[in-house]
């Protein structure tokens, strides 16, 4: 019996590289596709000699060509951190629209099932808490975060159109805050920002009064949820995340304790449209996928902190780490 073949776009990124590992482990033939605008070949170099792995340096927003059969597609090609999508807004919109269109067309031509990676950002600054999949959201399409939020909302709409019009097998995951090894230390997301500041001996920056909340899911748990959703029979969006909610200020205090830093926690103005609350309702994931997170935050943070501590100093002290404060204003 021939092995299943899967295309993973954004395969050199944080999440994409972990997905490559998982599907190689499950016995799939894996094609990782990435234009490396935010991805890093170091995340997948350990797979280069594997006989069931191949890498394609391609931009899915322009054209996608994959010879041979394809059974599955995971569309994870997109900037996902504020420092990225605020720096390259047009590319972010393109990969969510043109890139998604190209990949849906490829899935249709190959008769492959496709799972697209959406995000909790489709809920915007939510007025419903916790967020359920049926909530339509509270999103500002012309605000600074609109380039990412609307790209993902369009992506979901296009995916459902292919499902209803063409009968394409589609899956949609809404990913909540995820963390773990291979995150970029200076990508502007709250967890690597705090750990990076602690490791550099800088004060930890909390925006606003720190009362805004997030729910952090360890990457291995997220990958398990993706794996189950792809193989499920459910085509509507499913939240995957850890409902263990914490305020940003409390989280900063956890990082101070974890790292042993003596630096202060300082406050700066809250960015425009920054969500005040973020917590997934995972009822559907529990009932349909029999999934829920297993790794608690203390355990996951220890693994992630050890990873960041192992990075060379030239990565840790990258001067670009200060760019985040410029882009979010």
C-alpha atoms as a PDB file:
ATOM      1  CA  UNK A   1       0.000   0.000   0.000  1.00  0.00           C
ATOM      2  CA  UNK A   2       1.472   3.392  -1.035  1.00  0.00           C
ATOM      3  CA  UNK A   3       2.128   6.026   1.578  1.00  0.00           C
ATOM      4  CA  UNK A   4      -0.163   9.023   1.938  1.00  0.00           C
ATOM      5  CA  UNK A   5       1.357  12.224   0.537  1.00  0.00           C
ATOM      6  CA  UNK A   6       0.807  15.599   2.206  1.00  0.00           C
ATOM      7  CA  UNK A   7       1.721  19.175   1.274  1.00  0.00           C
ATOM      8  CA  UNK A   8       2.407  21.506   4.210  1.00  0.00           C
ATOM      9  CA  UNK A   9       2.623  25.174   3.242  1.00  0.00           C
ATOM     10  CA  UNK A  10       4.543  27.394   5.636  1.00  0.00           C
ATOM     11  CA  UNK A  11       6.464  24.199   6.355  1.00  0.00           C
ATOM     12  CA  UNK A  12       9.630  25.981   7.526  1.00  0.00           C
ATOM     13  CA  UNK A  13       7.739  28.074  10.070  1.00  0.00           C
ATOM     14  CA  UNK A  14       7.102  27.486  13.751  1.00  0.00           C
ATOM     15  CA  UNK A  15       3.903  25.463  13.408  1.00  0.00           C
ATOM     16  CA  UNK A  16       4.615  24.110   9.934  1.00  0.00           C
ATOM     17  CA  UNK A  17       7.907  22.539  10.970  1.00  0.00           C
ATOM     18  CA  UNK A  18       6.286  20.737  13.906  1.00  0.00           C
ATOM     19  CA  UNK A  19       3.616  19.456  11.522  1.00  0.00           C
ATOM     20  CA  UNK A  20       6.327  18.162   9.190  1.00  0.00           C
ATOM     21  CA  UNK A  21       7.806  16.232  12.122  1.00  0.00           C
ATOM     22  CA  UNK A  22       4.441  14.763  13.078  1.00  0.00           C
ATOM     23  CA  UNK A  23       3.472  13.584   9.616  1.00  0.00           C
ATOM     24  CA  UNK A  24       6.910  12.086   8.959  1.00  0.00           C
ATOM     25  CA  UNK A  25       6.500  10.233  12.264  1.00  0.00           C
ATOM     26  CA  UNK A  26       3.066   9.000  11.128  1.00  0.00           C
ATOM     27  CA  UNK A  27       4.589   7.530   7.949  1.00  0.00           C
ATOM     28  CA  UNK A  28       3.479  10.135   5.402  1.00  0.00           C
ATOM     29  CA  UNK A  29       5.453  11.468   2.465  1.00  0.00           C
ATOM     30  CA  UNK A  30       5.810  15.160   3.313  1.00  0.00           C
ATOM     31  CA  UNK A  31       6.352  18.136   1.016  1.00  0.00           C
ATOM     32  CA  UNK A  32       7.191  21.312   2.934  1.00  0.00           C
ATOM     33  CA  UNK A  33       6.572  24.472   0.901  1.00  0.00           C
ATOM     34  CA  UNK A  34       7.745  27.905   2.051  1.00  0.00           C
ATOM     35  CA  UNK A  35       8.947  31.173   0.531  1.00  0.00           C
ATOM     36  CA  UNK A  36      11.042  31.761   3.686  1.00  0.00           C
ATOM     37  CA  UNK A  37       9.744  35.297   4.168  1.00  0.00           C
ATOM     38  CA  UNK A  38       9.221  34.425   7.833  1.00  0.00           C
ATOM     39  CA  UNK A  39      10.135  30.727   7.879  1.00  0.00           C
ATOM     40  CA  UNK A  40      13.616  29.370   8.585  1.00  0.00           C
ATOM     41  CA  UNK A  41      15.269  26.324   7.019  1.00  0.00           C
ATOM     42  CA  UNK A  42      16.915  25.611  10.378  1.00  0.00           C
ATOM     43  CA  UNK A  43      13.507  24.441  11.593  1.00  0.00           C
ATOM     44  CA  UNK A  44      13.449  21.563   9.099  1.00  0.00           C
ATOM     45  CA  UNK A  45      17.102  20.901   8.255  1.00  0.00           C
ATOM     46  CA  UNK A  46      17.020  17.757  10.409  1.00  0.00           C
ATOM     47  CA  UNK A  47      14.523  16.309   7.885  1.00  0.00           C
ATOM     48  CA  UNK A  48      16.482  17.006   4.694  1.00  0.00           C
ATOM     49  CA  UNK A  49      18.030  13.537   4.512  1.00  0.00           C
ATOM     50  CA  UNK A  50      14.794  11.714   5.290  1.00  0.00           C
ATOM     51  CA  UNK A  51      13.642   9.723   2.238  1.00  0.00           C
ATOM     52  CA  UNK A  52      10.005  10.759   2.703  1.00  0.00           C
ATOM     53  CA  UNK A  53      10.676  14.486   3.004  1.00  0.00           C
ATOM     54  CA  UNK A  54      11.144  17.151   0.336  1.00  0.00           C
ATOM     55  CA  UNK A  55      11.266  20.932   0.392  1.00  0.00           C
ATOM     56  CA  UNK A  56       9.904  23.351  -2.199  1.00  0.00           C
ATOM     57  CA  UNK A  57      10.982  27.000  -2.090  1.00  0.00           C
ATOM     58  CA  UNK A  58       7.793  28.541  -3.478  1.00  0.00           C
ATOM     59  CA  UNK A  59       5.397  31.440  -2.936  1.00  0.00           C
ATOM     60  CA  UNK A  60       1.856  30.057  -2.873  1.00  0.00           C
ATOM     61  CA  UNK A  61       0.458  33.538  -3.557  1.00  0.00           C
ATOM     62  CA  UNK A  62       1.933  33.429  -7.059  1.00  0.00           C
ATOM     63  CA  UNK A  63       1.683  29.830  -8.258  1.00  0.00           C
ATOM     64  CA  UNK A  64       1.580  26.324  -6.816  1.00  0.00           C
ATOM     65  CA  UNK A  65       2.774  23.258  -8.699  1.00  0.00           C
ATOM     66  CA  UNK A  66       3.123  19.833  -7.118  1.00  0.00           C
ATOM     67  CA  UNK A  67       3.713  16.912  -9.497  1.00  0.00           C
ATOM     68  CA  UNK A  68       2.225  13.556  -8.659  1.00  0.00           C
ATOM     69  CA  UNK A  69      -0.568  12.593  -6.332  1.00  0.00           C
ATOM     70  CA  UNK A  70      -1.576  14.476  -3.219  1.00  0.00           C
ATOM     71  CA  UNK A  71      -3.840  13.133  -0.498  1.00  0.00           C
ATOM     72  CA  UNK A  72      -3.831  16.076   1.885  1.00  0.00           C
ATOM     73  CA  UNK A  73      -2.901  19.765   2.055  1.00  0.00           C
ATOM     74  CA  UNK A  74      -2.258  21.761   5.227  1.00  0.00           C
ATOM     75  CA  UNK A  75      -2.300  25.497   4.449  1.00  0.00           C
ATOM     76  CA  UNK A  76      -0.174  27.186   7.116  1.00  0.00           C
ATOM     77  CA  UNK A  77       1.558  29.753   4.918  1.00  0.00           C
ATOM     78  CA  UNK A  78       0.995  33.157   6.478  1.00  0.00           C
ATOM     79  CA  UNK A  79       2.766  35.675   8.685  1.00  0.00           C
ATOM     80  CA  UNK A  80       1.223  35.147  12.107  1.00  0.00           C
ATOM     81  CA  UNK A  81       2.883  37.630  14.438  1.00  0.00           C
ATOM     82  CA  UNK A  82       2.233  41.373  14.689  1.00  0.00           C
ATOM     83  CA  UNK A  83       5.789  42.354  13.813  1.00  0.00           C
ATOM     84  CA  UNK A  84       5.447  40.365  10.580  1.00  0.00           C
ATOM     85  CA  UNK A  85       1.976  41.164   9.322  1.00  0.00           C
ATOM     86  CA  UNK A  86       2.311  44.852  10.195  1.00  0.00           C
ATOM     87  CA  UNK A  87       5.636  44.985   8.354  1.00  0.00           C
ATOM     88  CA  UNK A  88       4.432  43.075   5.270  1.00  0.00           C
ATOM     89  CA  UNK A  89       0.679  43.786   5.154  1.00  0.00           C
ATOM     90  CA  UNK A  90       0.156  43.236   1.427  1.00  0.00           C
ATOM     91  CA  UNK A  91       1.936  39.872   1.425  1.00  0.00           C
ATOM     92  CA  UNK A  92      -0.220  38.880   4.406  1.00  0.00           C
ATOM     93  CA  UNK A  93      -3.413  39.731   2.526  1.00  0.00           C
ATOM     94  CA  UNK A  94      -2.174  37.974  -0.596  1.00  0.00           C
ATOM     95  CA  UNK A  95      -1.335  34.679   1.082  1.00  0.00           C
ATOM     96  CA  UNK A  96      -4.741  34.620   2.768  1.00  0.00           C
ATOM     97  CA  UNK A  97      -6.582  35.343  -0.488  1.00  0.00           C
ATOM     98  CA  UNK A  98      -4.566  34.468  -3.608  1.00  0.00           C
ATOM     99  CA  UNK A  99      -2.563  31.791  -1.805  1.00  0.00           C
ATOM    100  CA  UNK A 100      -5.676  30.157  -0.402  1.00  0.00           C
ATOM    101  CA  UNK A 101      -7.369  30.296  -3.821  1.00  0.00           C
ATOM    102  CA  UNK A 102      -4.357  28.624  -5.458  1.00  0.00           C
ATOM    103  CA  UNK A 103      -4.242  25.858  -2.872  1.00  0.00           C
ATOM    104  CA  UNK A 104      -7.978  25.200  -2.998  1.00  0.00           C
ATOM    105  CA  UNK A 105      -7.635  24.889  -6.757  1.00  0.00           C
ATOM    106  CA  UNK A 106      -4.756  22.455  -6.305  1.00  0.00           C
ATOM    107  CA  UNK A 107      -6.782  20.415  -3.816  1.00  0.00           C
ATOM    108  CA  UNK A 108      -9.659  20.260  -6.287  1.00  0.00           C
ATOM    109  CA  UNK A 109      -7.375  19.170  -9.136  1.00  0.00           C
ATOM    110  CA  UNK A 110      -5.675  16.510  -6.989  1.00  0.00           C
ATOM    111  CA  UNK A 111      -8.882  15.402  -5.232  1.00  0.00           C
ATOM    112  CA  UNK A 112      -7.084  16.089  -1.965  1.00  0.00           C
ATOM    113  CA  UNK A 113      -8.527  17.059   1.399  1.00  0.00           C
ATOM    114  CA  UNK A 114      -7.356  20.502   2.545  1.00  0.00           C
ATOM    115  CA  UNK A 115      -7.146  21.951   6.053  1.00  0.00           C
ATOM    116  CA  UNK A 116      -6.671  25.711   6.313  1.00  0.00           C
ATOM    117  CA  UNK A 117      -5.187  27.395   9.349  1.00  0.00           C
ATOM    118  CA  UNK A 118      -7.413  30.192  10.556  1.00  0.00           C
ATOM    119  CA  UNK A 119      -7.053  32.004  13.852  1.00  0.00           C
ATOM    120  CA  UNK A 120      -8.822  33.303  16.926  1.00  0.00           C
ATOM    121  CA  UNK A 121      -8.168  36.742  15.410  1.00  0.00           C
ATOM    122  CA  UNK A 122     -11.304  36.254  13.287  1.00  0.00           C
ATOM    123  CA  UNK A 123     -13.180  37.056  16.515  1.00  0.00           C
ATOM    124  CA  UNK A 124     -11.388  40.421  16.777  1.00  0.00           C
ATOM    125  CA  UNK A 125     -11.782  42.095  20.160  1.00  0.00           C
ATOM    126  CA  UNK A 126     -14.577  39.738  21.227  1.00  0.00           C
ATOM    127  CA  UNK A 127     -17.794  40.733  22.942  1.00  0.00           C
ATOM    128  CA  UNK A 128     -18.561  37.072  23.684  1.00  0.00           C
ATOM    129  CA  UNK A 129     -16.474  35.171  26.211  1.00  0.00           C
ATOM    130  CA  UNK A 130     -15.252  32.476  25.898  1.00  0.00           C
ATOM    131  CA  UNK A 131     -15.316  32.480  22.100  1.00  0.00           C
ATOM    132  CA  UNK A 132     -17.501  29.875  20.410  1.00  0.00           C
ATOM    133  CA  UNK A 133     -17.257  28.997  16.724  1.00  0.00           C
ATOM    134  CA  UNK A 134     -20.707  30.471  16.014  1.00  0.00           C
ATOM    135  CA  UNK A 135     -19.633  33.935  17.203  1.00  0.00           C
ATOM    136  CA  UNK A 136     -19.250  36.287  14.220  1.00  0.00           C
ATOM    137  CA  UNK A 137     -16.660  38.525  15.844  1.00  0.00           C
ATOM    138  CA  UNK A 138     -15.989  42.212  16.508  1.00  0.00           C
ATOM    139  CA  UNK A 139     -13.387  43.151  13.899  1.00  0.00           C
ATOM    140  CA  UNK A 140     -12.141  46.468  12.521  1.00  0.00           C
ATOM    141  CA  UNK A 141     -11.352  45.786   8.832  1.00  0.00           C
ATOM    142  CA  UNK A 142      -9.380  49.018   8.366  1.00  0.00           C
ATOM    143  CA  UNK A 143      -7.491  49.007  11.674  1.00  0.00           C
ATOM    144  CA  UNK A 144      -3.820  48.012  11.916  1.00  0.00           C
ATOM    145  CA  UNK A 145      -4.668  44.356  12.609  1.00  0.00           C
ATOM    146  CA  UNK A 146      -7.195  44.207   9.774  1.00  0.00           C
ATOM    147  CA  UNK A 147      -4.657  42.941   7.248  1.00  0.00           C
ATOM    148  CA  UNK A 148      -4.316  39.711   9.230  1.00  0.00           C
ATOM    149  CA  UNK A 149      -7.867  39.423  10.583  1.00  0.00           C
ATOM    150  CA  UNK A 150      -9.553  40.007   7.233  1.00  0.00           C
ATOM    151  CA  UNK A 151      -7.123  37.762   5.351  1.00  0.00           C
ATOM    152  CA  UNK A 152      -8.144  34.920   7.643  1.00  0.00           C
ATOM    153  CA  UNK A 153     -11.855  35.729   7.462  1.00  0.00           C
ATOM    154  CA  UNK A 154     -11.687  35.780   3.660  1.00  0.00           C
ATOM    155  CA  UNK A 155      -9.744  32.527   3.740  1.00  0.00           C
ATOM    156  CA  UNK A 156     -12.526  30.855   5.695  1.00  0.00           C
ATOM    157  CA  UNK A 157     -15.175  32.208   3.301  1.00  0.00           C
ATOM    158  CA  UNK A 158     -13.261  31.014   0.233  1.00  0.00           C
ATOM    159  CA  UNK A 159     -12.720  27.593   1.788  1.00  0.00           C
ATOM    160  CA  UNK A 160     -16.435  27.204   2.540  1.00  0.00           C
ATOM    161  CA  UNK A 161     -17.286  28.334  -1.002  1.00  0.00           C
ATOM    162  CA  UNK A 162     -15.130  25.560  -2.458  1.00  0.00           C
ATOM    163  CA  UNK A 163     -16.759  23.102  -0.076  1.00  0.00           C
ATOM    164  CA  UNK A 164     -20.328  24.073  -0.941  1.00  0.00           C
ATOM    165  CA  UNK A 165     -19.871  24.767  -4.677  1.00  0.00           C
ATOM    166  CA  UNK A 166     -17.321  22.107  -5.644  1.00  0.00           C
ATOM    167  CA  UNK A 167     -17.930  19.565  -2.905  1.00  0.00           C
ATOM    168  CA  UNK A 168     -14.257  19.806  -1.912  1.00  0.00           C
ATOM    169  CA  UNK A 169     -13.253  18.113   1.334  1.00  0.00           C
ATOM    170  CA  UNK A 170     -12.222  21.007   3.546  1.00  0.00           C
ATOM    171  CA  UNK A 171     -11.352  21.509   7.204  1.00  0.00           C
ATOM    172  CA  UNK A 172     -10.929  24.813   9.083  1.00  0.00           C
ATOM    173  CA  UNK A 173      -9.015  25.206  12.328  1.00  0.00           C
ATOM    174  CA  UNK A 174      -9.139  28.368  14.436  1.00  0.00           C
ATOM    175  CA  UNK A 175      -5.865  28.487  16.314  1.00  0.00           C
ATOM    176  CA  UNK A 176      -5.548  30.271  19.643  1.00  0.00           C
ATOM    177  CA  UNK A 177      -2.244  31.475  21.139  1.00  0.00           C
ATOM    178  CA  UNK A 178       0.318  28.701  20.723  1.00  0.00           C
ATOM    179  CA  UNK A 179       3.889  28.489  21.948  1.00  0.00           C
ATOM    180  CA  UNK A 180       6.876  26.174  22.049  1.00  0.00           C
ATOM    181  CA  UNK A 181      10.353  25.565  20.599  1.00  0.00           C
ATOM    182  CA  UNK A 182      11.128  27.125  17.193  1.00  0.00           C
ATOM    183  CA  UNK A 183       9.183  30.290  17.849  1.00  0.00           C
ATOM    184  CA  UNK A 184      11.181  33.287  16.690  1.00  0.00           C
ATOM    185  CA  UNK A 185      12.468  35.012  19.780  1.00  0.00           C
ATOM    186  CA  UNK A 186      11.876  38.486  18.363  1.00  0.00           C
ATOM    187  CA  UNK A 187       8.627  38.010  16.452  1.00  0.00           C
ATOM    188  CA  UNK A 188       6.622  40.334  18.686  1.00  0.00           C
ATOM    189  CA  UNK A 189       4.307  37.781  20.273  1.00  0.00           C
ATOM    190  CA  UNK A 190       3.902  38.113  24.008  1.00  0.00           C
ATOM    191  CA  UNK A 191       5.601  34.905  25.167  1.00  0.00           C
ATOM    192  CA  UNK A 192       8.877  35.176  23.207  1.00  0.00           C
ATOM    193  CA  UNK A 193       8.863  38.940  23.842  1.00  0.00           C
ATOM    194  CA  UNK A 194       8.785  38.427  27.617  1.00  0.00           C
ATOM    195  CA  UNK A 195      11.357  35.621  27.626  1.00  0.00           C
ATOM    196  CA  UNK A 196      13.618  37.533  25.252  1.00  0.00           C
ATOM    197  CA  UNK A 197      13.496  40.627  27.447  1.00  0.00           C
ATOM    198  CA  UNK A 198      14.271  38.551  30.534  1.00  0.00           C
ATOM    199  CA  UNK A 199      17.231  36.815  28.864  1.00  0.00           C
ATOM    200  CA  UNK A 200      18.624  40.153  27.639  1.00  0.00           C
ATOM    201  CA  UNK A 201      18.291  41.730  31.084  1.00  0.00           C
ATOM    202  CA  UNK A 202      15.616  44.178  29.939  1.00  0.00           C
ATOM    203  CA  UNK A 203      12.449  45.255  31.706  1.00  0.00           C
ATOM    204  CA  UNK A 204       9.358  43.264  30.672  1.00  0.00           C
ATOM    205  CA  UNK A 205       6.906  45.400  28.702  1.00  0.00           C
ATOM    206  CA  UNK A 206       3.209  45.052  29.514  1.00  0.00           C
ATOM    207  CA  UNK A 207       0.871  47.064  27.299  1.00  0.00           C
ATOM    208  CA  UNK A 208      -2.105  48.746  28.961  1.00  0.00           C
ATOM    209  CA  UNK A 209      -2.859  47.782  32.549  1.00  0.00           C
ATOM    210  CA  UNK A 210      -2.135  44.105  31.862  1.00  0.00           C
ATOM    211  CA  UNK A 211      -5.706  43.007  32.533  1.00  0.00           C
ATOM    212  CA  UNK A 212      -6.193  41.714  28.985  1.00  0.00           C
ATOM    213  CA  UNK A 213      -6.214  37.922  28.885  1.00  0.00           C
ATOM    214  CA  UNK A 214      -4.724  35.188  26.723  1.00  0.00           C
ATOM    215  CA  UNK A 215      -4.900  31.398  26.720  1.00  0.00           C
ATOM    216  CA  UNK A 216      -1.666  29.625  25.774  1.00  0.00           C
ATOM    217  CA  UNK A 217      -1.563  26.198  24.119  1.00  0.00           C
ATOM    218  CA  UNK A 218       1.637  24.146  23.864  1.00  0.00           C
ATOM    219  CA  UNK A 219       2.597  23.289  20.293  1.00  0.00           C
ATOM    220  CA  UNK A 220       2.426  19.489  20.715  1.00  0.00           C
ATOM    221  CA  UNK A 221      -1.182  19.761  21.863  1.00  0.00           C
ATOM    222  CA  UNK A 222      -2.050  21.959  18.892  1.00  0.00           C
ATOM    223  CA  UNK A 223      -0.428  19.537  16.430  1.00  0.00           C
ATOM    224  CA  UNK A 224      -2.469  16.680  17.888  1.00  0.00           C
ATOM    225  CA  UNK A 225      -5.652  18.711  17.399  1.00  0.00           C
ATOM    226  CA  UNK A 226      -4.717  19.464  13.781  1.00  0.00           C
ATOM    227  CA  UNK A 227      -3.973  15.798  13.126  1.00  0.00           C
ATOM    228  CA  UNK A 228      -7.362  14.743  14.467  1.00  0.00           C
ATOM    229  CA  UNK A 229      -9.260  17.482  12.647  1.00  0.00           C
ATOM    230  CA  UNK A 230      -7.702  16.616   9.280  1.00  0.00           C
ATOM    231  CA  UNK A 231      -8.834  13.016   9.618  1.00  0.00           C
ATOM    232  CA  UNK A 232     -12.293  13.904  10.946  1.00  0.00           C
ATOM    233  CA  UNK A 233     -15.532  14.245   8.976  1.00  0.00           C
ATOM    234  CA  UNK A 234     -16.283  17.781  10.227  1.00  0.00           C
ATOM    235  CA  UNK A 235     -16.029  20.661   7.739  1.00  0.00           C
ATOM    236  CA  UNK A 236     -17.029  23.702   9.835  1.00  0.00           C
ATOM    237  CA  UNK A 237     -14.509  25.731  11.882  1.00  0.00           C
ATOM    238  CA  UNK A 238     -13.175  24.212  15.101  1.00  0.00           C
ATOM    239  CA  UNK A 239     -11.400  26.080  17.898  1.00  0.00           C
ATOM    240  CA  UNK A 240      -8.132  24.489  18.991  1.00  0.00           C
ATOM    241  CA  UNK A 241      -6.449  26.038  21.997  1.00  0.00           C
ATOM    242  CA  UNK A 242      -5.986  25.793  25.739  1.00  0.00           C
ATOM    243  CA  UNK A 243      -8.858  27.381  27.724  1.00  0.00           C
ATOM    244  CA  UNK A 244      -6.584  28.022  30.741  1.00  0.00           C
ATOM    245  CA  UNK A 245      -6.936  31.817  30.742  1.00  0.00           C
ATOM    246  CA  UNK A 246      -4.447  34.216  32.339  1.00  0.00           C
ATOM    247  CA  UNK A 247      -3.990  37.988  32.360  1.00  0.00           C
ATOM    248  CA  UNK A 248      -0.951  39.435  30.617  1.00  0.00           C
ATOM    249  CA  UNK A 249       0.268  40.908  33.907  1.00  0.00           C
ATOM    250  CA  UNK A 250       0.010  37.530  35.644  1.00  0.00           C
ATOM    251  CA  UNK A 251       1.794  35.952  32.713  1.00  0.00           C
ATOM    252  CA  UNK A 252       4.632  38.480  32.959  1.00  0.00           C
ATOM    253  CA  UNK A 253       4.952  37.609  36.639  1.00  0.00           C
ATOM    254  CA  UNK A 254       5.165  33.908  35.728  1.00  0.00           C
ATOM    255  CA  UNK A 255       7.980  34.659  33.287  1.00  0.00           C
ATOM    256  CA  UNK A 256       9.844  36.672  35.934  1.00  0.00           C
ATOM    257  CA  UNK A 257       9.611  33.704  38.304  1.00  0.00           C
ATOM    258  CA  UNK A 258      10.561  31.174  35.602  1.00  0.00           C
ATOM    259  CA  UNK A 259      13.612  33.092  34.380  1.00  0.00           C
ATOM    260  CA  UNK A 260      14.745  34.462  37.717  1.00  0.00           C
ATOM    261  CA  UNK A 261      15.182  37.913  36.204  1.00  0.00           C
ATOM    262  CA  UNK A 262      15.505  40.895  38.504  1.00  0.00           C
ATOM    263  CA  UNK A 263      14.137  43.271  35.890  1.00  0.00           C
ATOM    264  CA  UNK A 264      10.979  45.288  36.451  1.00  0.00           C
ATOM    265  CA  UNK A 265       7.617  44.974  34.706  1.00  0.00           C
ATOM    266  CA  UNK A 266       6.901  48.279  32.978  1.00  0.00           C
ATOM    267  CA  UNK A 267       3.746  49.504  31.236  1.00  0.00           C
ATOM    268  CA  UNK A 268       3.215  51.169  27.865  1.00  0.00           C
ATOM    269  CA  UNK A 269       0.052  52.256  26.014  1.00  0.00           C
ATOM    270  CA  UNK A 270      -2.195  49.504  24.688  1.00  0.00           C
ATOM    271  CA  UNK A 271      -1.978  49.012  20.901  1.00  0.00           C
ATOM    272  CA  UNK A 272      -5.024  49.802  18.752  1.00  0.00           C
ATOM    273  CA  UNK A 273      -7.573  46.945  18.544  1.00  0.00           C
ATOM    274  CA  UNK A 274      -5.591  44.726  20.906  1.00  0.00           C
ATOM    275  CA  UNK A 275      -8.083  42.046  22.075  1.00  0.00           C
ATOM    276  CA  UNK A 276      -9.095  42.423  25.705  1.00  0.00           C
ATOM    277  CA  UNK A 277     -10.050  38.778  26.190  1.00  0.00           C
ATOM    278  CA  UNK A 278      -9.007  35.605  24.441  1.00  0.00           C
ATOM    279  CA  UNK A 279     -10.214  32.180  25.573  1.00  0.00           C
ATOM    280  CA  UNK A 280     -11.399  29.330  23.365  1.00  0.00           C
ATOM    281  CA  UNK A 281     -14.547  27.365  23.933  1.00  0.00           C
ATOM    282  CA  UNK A 282     -13.317  23.875  22.971  1.00  0.00           C
ATOM    283  CA  UNK A 283     -16.606  22.033  23.385  1.00  0.00           C
ATOM    284  CA  UNK A 284     -16.611  21.049  19.700  1.00  0.00           C
ATOM    285  CA  UNK A 285     -13.017  19.827  19.789  1.00  0.00           C
ATOM    286  CA  UNK A 286     -13.807  17.693  22.827  1.00  0.00           C
ATOM    287  CA  UNK A 287     -16.985  16.188  21.392  1.00  0.00           C
ATOM    288  CA  UNK A 288     -16.033  15.818  17.707  1.00  0.00           C
ATOM    289  CA  UNK A 289     -12.284  15.175  17.921  1.00  0.00           C
ATOM    290  CA  UNK A 290     -12.073  13.766  21.448  1.00  0.00           C
ATOM    291  CA  UNK A 291      -9.296  16.324  21.915  1.00  0.00           C
ATOM    292  CA  UNK A 292      -8.224  18.551  24.756  1.00  0.00           C
ATOM    293  CA  UNK A 293      -4.797  19.930  25.759  1.00  0.00           C
ATOM    294  CA  UNK A 294      -2.564  17.752  27.915  1.00  0.00           C
ATOM    295  CA  UNK A 295       0.509  19.926  28.571  1.00  0.00           C
ATOM    296  CA  UNK A 296       0.074  22.395  31.423  1.00  0.00           C
ATOM    297  CA  UNK A 297       1.547  25.873  31.131  1.00  0.00           C
ATOM    298  CA  UNK A 298       4.320  25.348  33.706  1.00  0.00           C
ATOM    299  CA  UNK A 299       5.598  22.286  31.860  1.00  0.00           C
ATOM    300  CA  UNK A 300       5.349  23.879  28.424  1.00  0.00           C
ATOM    301  CA  UNK A 301       7.013  27.118  29.534  1.00  0.00           C
ATOM    302  CA  UNK A 302       9.971  25.225  31.014  1.00  0.00           C
ATOM    303  CA  UNK A 303      10.579  23.422  27.706  1.00  0.00           C
ATOM    304  CA  UNK A 304      10.222  26.659  25.746  1.00  0.00           C
ATOM    305  CA  UNK A 305      12.490  28.624  28.075  1.00  0.00           C
ATOM    306  CA  UNK A 306      15.187  25.946  27.818  1.00  0.00           C
ATOM    307  CA  UNK A 307      14.948  26.197  24.032  1.00  0.00           C
ATOM    308  CA  UNK A 308      15.353  29.978  24.042  1.00  0.00           C
ATOM    309  CA  UNK A 309      18.268  29.758  26.498  1.00  0.00           C
ATOM    310  CA  UNK A 310      20.059  27.460  24.051  1.00  0.00           C
ATOM    311  CA  UNK A 311      19.990  30.021  21.228  1.00  0.00           C
ATOM    312  CA  UNK A 312      23.279  31.728  20.306  1.00  0.00           C
ATOM    313  CA  UNK A 313      23.852  35.273  21.504  1.00  0.00           C
ATOM    314  CA  UNK A 314      23.627  36.768  18.023  1.00  0.00           C
ATOM    315  CA  UNK A 315      20.008  35.575  17.890  1.00  0.00           C
ATOM    316  CA  UNK A 316      19.240  36.634  21.443  1.00  0.00           C
ATOM    317  CA  UNK A 317      20.613  40.140  20.952  1.00  0.00           C
ATOM    318  CA  UNK A 318      19.245  40.738  17.459  1.00  0.00           C
ATOM    319  CA  UNK A 319      18.752  44.490  17.290  1.00  0.00           C
ATOM    320  CA  UNK A 320      15.514  43.978  15.362  1.00  0.00           C
ATOM    321  CA  UNK A 321      13.795  42.877  18.559  1.00  0.00           C
ATOM    322  CA  UNK A 322      12.920  46.515  19.252  1.00  0.00           C
ATOM    323  CA  UNK A 323      10.982  46.811  16.010  1.00  0.00           C
ATOM    324  CA  UNK A 324       7.814  45.435  17.582  1.00  0.00           C
ATOM    325  CA  UNK A 325       7.152  48.597  19.558  1.00  0.00           C
ATOM    326  CA  UNK A 326       7.499  50.602  16.337  1.00  0.00           C
ATOM    327  CA  UNK A 327       5.046  48.520  14.366  1.00  0.00           C
ATOM    328  CA  UNK A 328       2.283  48.251  16.919  1.00  0.00           C
ATOM    329  CA  UNK A 329       1.896  51.989  17.458  1.00  0.00           C
END
